[in-house]
Amino acid sequence: MQVIKNRMSKQLKQLVIESIREDGGKFRPSDWAERISTTLAEFGADHRLHYAEGVRPIMRDGIKCLIVDRALESENPVAFNYILDFVKENGLRMSEEVSEGR
């Protein structure tokens, strides 16, 4: 039981990428976070699309964001670098935060 508790309380680093450019402008197309998330998603047995656990779109304070777990860097470095390159090329705001593990 202790192993489960330790694993559940594990803190994860994640990147938060906003739909706002570094110059303050709104980034278009507005569905960019869903598009990136969909490239790593899979269809489940229920025939519905399920986002990968480490890459998911969210709304935060009225701003569309993409959450990327830092674990993706080691699990799928090609996808992680693609996302970072996308952020740099489009001048998107990005920050890092710590969240409680699942």
C-alpha atoms as a PDB file:
ATOM      1  CA  MET A   1       0.000   0.000   0.000  1.00  0.00           C
ATOM      2  CA  GLN A   2       2.881   2.389   0.737  1.00  0.00           C
ATOM      3  CA  VAL A   3       4.194   2.017  -2.826  1.00  0.00           C
ATOM      4  CA  ILE A   4       0.825   3.114  -4.207  1.00  0.00           C
ATOM      5  CA  LYS A   5       0.710   6.153  -1.929  1.00  0.00           C
ATOM      6  CA  ASN A   6       4.229   7.215  -2.925  1.00  0.00           C
ATOM      7  CA  ARG A   7       3.456   6.806  -6.600  1.00  0.00           C
ATOM      8  CA  MET A   8       0.196   8.753  -6.347  1.00  0.00           C
ATOM      9  CA  SER A   9       1.812  11.653  -4.511  1.00  0.00           C
ATOM     10  CA  LYS A  10       4.636  11.896  -7.032  1.00  0.00           C
ATOM     11  CA  GLN A  11       5.040  15.401  -8.388  1.00  0.00           C
ATOM     12  CA  LEU A  12       5.195  15.781 -12.143  1.00  0.00           C
ATOM     13  CA  LYS A  13       6.714  18.640 -14.071  1.00  0.00           C
ATOM     14  CA  GLN A  14       4.683  19.830 -16.985  1.00  0.00           C
ATOM     15  CA  LEU A  15       4.828  22.516 -19.608  1.00  0.00           C
ATOM     16  CA  VAL A  16       1.876  24.842 -20.058  1.00  0.00           C
ATOM     17  CA  ILE A  17       1.738  26.277 -23.565  1.00  0.00           C
ATOM     18  CA  GLU A  18      -0.730  29.109 -24.059  1.00  0.00           C
ATOM     19  CA  SER A  19      -2.616  30.239 -27.181  1.00  0.00           C
ATOM     20  CA  ILE A  20      -0.975  33.622 -26.690  1.00  0.00           C
ATOM     21  CA  ARG A  21       2.151  34.676 -28.558  1.00  0.00           C
ATOM     22  CA  GLU A  22       5.043  36.232 -26.697  1.00  0.00           C
ATOM     23  CA  ASP A  23       4.093  39.593 -28.245  1.00  0.00           C
ATOM     24  CA  GLY A  24       0.637  39.322 -26.608  1.00  0.00           C
ATOM     25  CA  GLY A  25      -1.276  38.450 -29.774  1.00  0.00           C
ATOM     26  CA  LYS A  26      -3.745  35.602 -30.005  1.00  0.00           C
ATOM     27  CA  PHE A  27      -2.449  32.548 -31.849  1.00  0.00           C
ATOM     28  CA  ARG A  28      -4.386  31.131 -34.791  1.00  0.00           C
ATOM     29  CA  PRO A  29      -5.667  28.615 -35.728  1.00  0.00           C
ATOM     30  CA  SER A  30      -7.659  28.386 -32.531  1.00  0.00           C
ATOM     31  CA  ASP A  31      -7.741  24.565 -32.571  1.00  0.00           C
ATOM     32  CA  TRP A  32      -3.947  24.103 -32.600  1.00  0.00           C
ATOM     33  CA  ALA A  33      -3.883  22.427 -29.139  1.00  0.00           C
ATOM     34  CA  GLU A  34      -6.469  19.845 -30.200  1.00  0.00           C
ATOM     35  CA  ARG A  35      -4.574  19.182 -33.439  1.00  0.00           C
ATOM     36  CA  ILE A  36      -1.319  18.458 -31.604  1.00  0.00           C
ATOM     37  CA  SER A  37      -3.088  16.378 -28.943  1.00  0.00           C
ATOM     38  CA  THR A  38      -4.859  14.340 -31.611  1.00  0.00           C
ATOM     39  CA  THR A  39      -1.581  13.315 -33.249  1.00  0.00           C
ATOM     40  CA  LEU A  40      -0.693  11.392 -30.057  1.00  0.00           C
ATOM     41  CA  ALA A  41      -4.234  10.185 -29.265  1.00  0.00           C
ATOM     42  CA  GLU A  42      -5.635   6.698 -29.830  1.00  0.00           C
ATOM     43  CA  PHE A  43      -9.077   5.263 -30.413  1.00  0.00           C
ATOM     44  CA  GLY A  44     -10.211   3.110 -27.507  1.00  0.00           C
ATOM     45  CA  ALA A  45     -12.375  -0.004 -27.425  1.00  0.00           C
ATOM     46  CA  ASP A  46     -15.350   2.356 -27.069  1.00  0.00           C
ATOM     47  CA  HIS A  47     -14.512   3.801 -30.524  1.00  0.00           C
ATOM     48  CA  ARG A  48     -13.837   7.205 -28.974  1.00  0.00           C
ATOM     49  CA  LEU A  49     -10.670   9.232 -29.231  1.00  0.00           C
ATOM     50  CA  HIS A  50      -8.614   9.247 -26.014  1.00  0.00           C
ATOM     51  CA  TYR A  51      -5.860  11.833 -25.584  1.00  0.00           C
ATOM     52  CA  ALA A  52      -2.459  10.574 -24.497  1.00  0.00           C
ATOM     53  CA  GLU A  53      -2.026  11.108 -20.769  1.00  0.00           C
ATOM     54  CA  GLY A  54       0.992  13.375 -21.233  1.00  0.00           C
ATOM     55  CA  VAL A  55      -0.383  15.730 -23.900  1.00  0.00           C
ATOM     56  CA  ARG A  56      -3.818  17.292 -23.535  1.00  0.00           C
ATOM     57  CA  PRO A  57      -5.645  20.508 -24.337  1.00  0.00           C
ATOM     58  CA  ILE A  58      -7.251  22.489 -21.516  1.00  0.00           C
ATOM     59  CA  MET A  59      -8.877  25.857 -20.925  1.00  0.00           C
ATOM     60  CA  ARG A  60      -7.228  27.945 -18.205  1.00  0.00           C
ATOM     61  CA  ASP A  61      -8.505  31.391 -17.280  1.00  0.00           C
ATOM     62  CA  GLY A  62     -10.321  31.570 -20.618  1.00  0.00           C
ATOM     63  CA  ILE A  63      -7.154  30.767 -22.593  1.00  0.00           C
ATOM     64  CA  LYS A  64      -6.746  27.582 -24.584  1.00  0.00           C
ATOM     65  CA  CYS A  65      -3.578  25.778 -23.467  1.00  0.00           C
ATOM     66  CA  LEU A  66      -1.693  22.592 -24.152  1.00  0.00           C
ATOM     67  CA  ILE A  67      -0.341  20.639 -21.172  1.00  0.00           C
ATOM     68  CA  VAL A  68       2.752  18.537 -21.906  1.00  0.00           C
ATOM     69  CA  ASP A  69       4.181  16.306 -19.197  1.00  0.00           C
ATOM     70  CA  ARG A  70       7.987  16.488 -19.045  1.00  0.00           C
ATOM     71  CA  ALA A  71       8.024  12.671 -19.028  1.00  0.00           C
ATOM     72  CA  LEU A  72       7.247  12.869 -22.756  1.00  0.00           C
ATOM     73  CA  GLU A  73      10.831  14.067 -23.267  1.00  0.00           C
ATOM     74  CA  SER A  74      12.152  10.595 -22.405  1.00  0.00           C
ATOM     75  CA  GLU A  75       9.120   8.540 -23.480  1.00  0.00           C
ATOM     76  CA  ASN A  76       8.757  10.068 -26.953  1.00  0.00           C
ATOM     77  CA  PRO A  77      11.607  12.540 -27.671  1.00  0.00           C
ATOM     78  CA  VAL A  78      10.524  13.061 -31.292  1.00  0.00           C
ATOM     79  CA  ALA A  79       7.053  14.232 -30.232  1.00  0.00           C
ATOM     80  CA  PHE A  80       8.474  16.335 -27.382  1.00  0.00           C
ATOM     81  CA  ASN A  81      10.935  18.099 -29.707  1.00  0.00           C
ATOM     82  CA  TYR A  82       8.222  18.618 -32.328  1.00  0.00           C
ATOM     83  CA  ILE A  83       6.069  20.405 -29.750  1.00  0.00           C
ATOM     84  CA  LEU A  84       8.984  22.566 -28.525  1.00  0.00           C
ATOM     85  CA  ASP A  85       9.896  23.469 -32.112  1.00  0.00           C
ATOM     86  CA  PHE A  86       6.259  24.405 -32.757  1.00  0.00           C
ATOM     87  CA  VAL A  87       6.284  26.663 -29.687  1.00  0.00           C
ATOM     88  CA  LYS A  88       9.521  28.380 -30.763  1.00  0.00           C
ATOM     89  CA  GLU A  89       8.513  28.808 -34.413  1.00  0.00           C
ATOM     90  CA  ASN A  90       5.204  30.389 -33.439  1.00  0.00           C
ATOM     91  CA  GLY A  91       6.485  32.409 -30.470  1.00  0.00           C
ATOM     92  CA  LEU A  92       3.992  30.943 -28.003  1.00  0.00           C
ATOM     93  CA  ARG A  93       4.087  31.622 -24.284  1.00  0.00           C
ATOM     94  CA  MET A  94       5.262  28.646 -22.281  1.00  0.00           C
ATOM     95  CA  SER A  95       5.808  28.058 -18.586  1.00  0.00           C
ATOM     96  CA  GLU A  96       6.688  25.090 -16.423  1.00  0.00           C
ATOM     97  CA  GLU A  97       4.767  24.005 -13.349  1.00  0.00           C
ATOM     98  CA  VAL A  98       4.589  21.099 -10.946  1.00  0.00           C
ATOM     99  CA  SER A  99       1.413  19.091 -10.498  1.00  0.00           C
ATOM    100  CA  GLU A 100       0.510  16.166  -8.322  1.00  0.00           C
ATOM    101  CA  GLY A 101       0.881  12.836 -10.088  1.00  0.00           C
ATOM    102  CA  ARG A 102      -2.052  10.592 -10.845  1.00  0.00           C
END
